[in-house]
Protein backbone atom coordinates (compact mmCIF):
# COMPACT_ATOMS: atom_id res chain seq x y z
CA MET A 1 -131.56 44.46 -117.62
CA TYR A 2 -131.25 40.93 -116.02
CA LYS A 3 -131.10 37.58 -118.01
CA ILE A 4 -132.35 35.33 -114.86
CA SER A 5 -132.37 31.13 -114.97
CA LYS A 6 -133.09 29.57 -111.45
CA TYR A 7 -131.68 31.27 -109.15
CA LYS A 8 -128.73 33.44 -110.32
CA ALA A 9 -129.37 36.93 -112.08
CA GLU A 10 -127.20 38.38 -114.60
CA SER A 11 -126.31 41.19 -115.86
CA ILE A 12 -126.10 41.80 -118.72
CA GLU A 13 -125.78 45.28 -121.67
CA PRO A 14 -129.00 46.87 -122.67
CA VAL A 15 -129.06 46.87 -127.12
CA THR A 16 -131.88 48.60 -128.77
CA PHE A 17 -133.67 47.51 -132.06
CA SER A 18 -130.98 48.74 -134.38
CA ASP A 19 -128.10 47.43 -132.50
CA LEU A 20 -129.75 44.16 -133.56
CA GLY A 21 -130.44 44.93 -137.09
CA MET A 22 -133.80 44.61 -137.28
CA GLN A 23 -136.25 46.95 -139.00
CA GLU A 24 -139.84 47.44 -137.61
CA SER A 25 -141.27 44.58 -139.85
CA ASP A 26 -139.16 42.62 -137.87
CA ILE A 27 -140.81 43.39 -134.40
CA GLU A 28 -144.10 42.53 -135.66
CA GLU A 29 -143.18 39.91 -136.86
CA LEU A 30 -141.70 39.15 -133.28
CA LEU A 31 -144.64 40.15 -131.63
CA ARG A 32 -146.84 38.02 -133.78
CA ASN A 33 -144.74 34.64 -132.98
CA ASN A 34 -144.76 35.46 -129.40
CA ILE A 35 -148.30 37.24 -128.39
CA GLU A 36 -147.74 36.11 -125.30
CA MET A 37 -145.15 39.06 -124.53
CA ILE A 38 -147.64 41.75 -124.37
CA ALA A 39 -150.94 39.57 -123.26
CA ASP A 40 -151.17 36.36 -120.71
CA GLU A 41 -153.22 33.58 -120.29
CA GLU A 42 -156.23 36.01 -119.03
CA LYS A 43 -156.34 37.42 -121.39
CA SER A 44 -156.77 37.38 -125.36
CA MET A 45 -155.40 39.74 -128.38
CA LEU A 46 -156.59 39.14 -132.12
CA ILE A 47 -154.65 40.11 -134.62
CA VAL A 48 -156.20 41.41 -137.22
CA GLY A 49 -153.95 42.78 -140.17
CA GLN A 50 -150.59 44.39 -140.24
CA GLN A 51 -148.96 47.26 -142.33
CA VAL A 52 -147.89 46.75 -146.00
């Protein structure tokens, strides 16, 4: 993985969601709030529900 800023690519260590202290519900919320991560401008995606 690399962090890219302007014309510099910096290698970063990969981490797991567990390393970050994230649970499945946290990941779902992250995706709900940043849906463009998985659906670009040319596609549309509708979130119709969430797990209980």
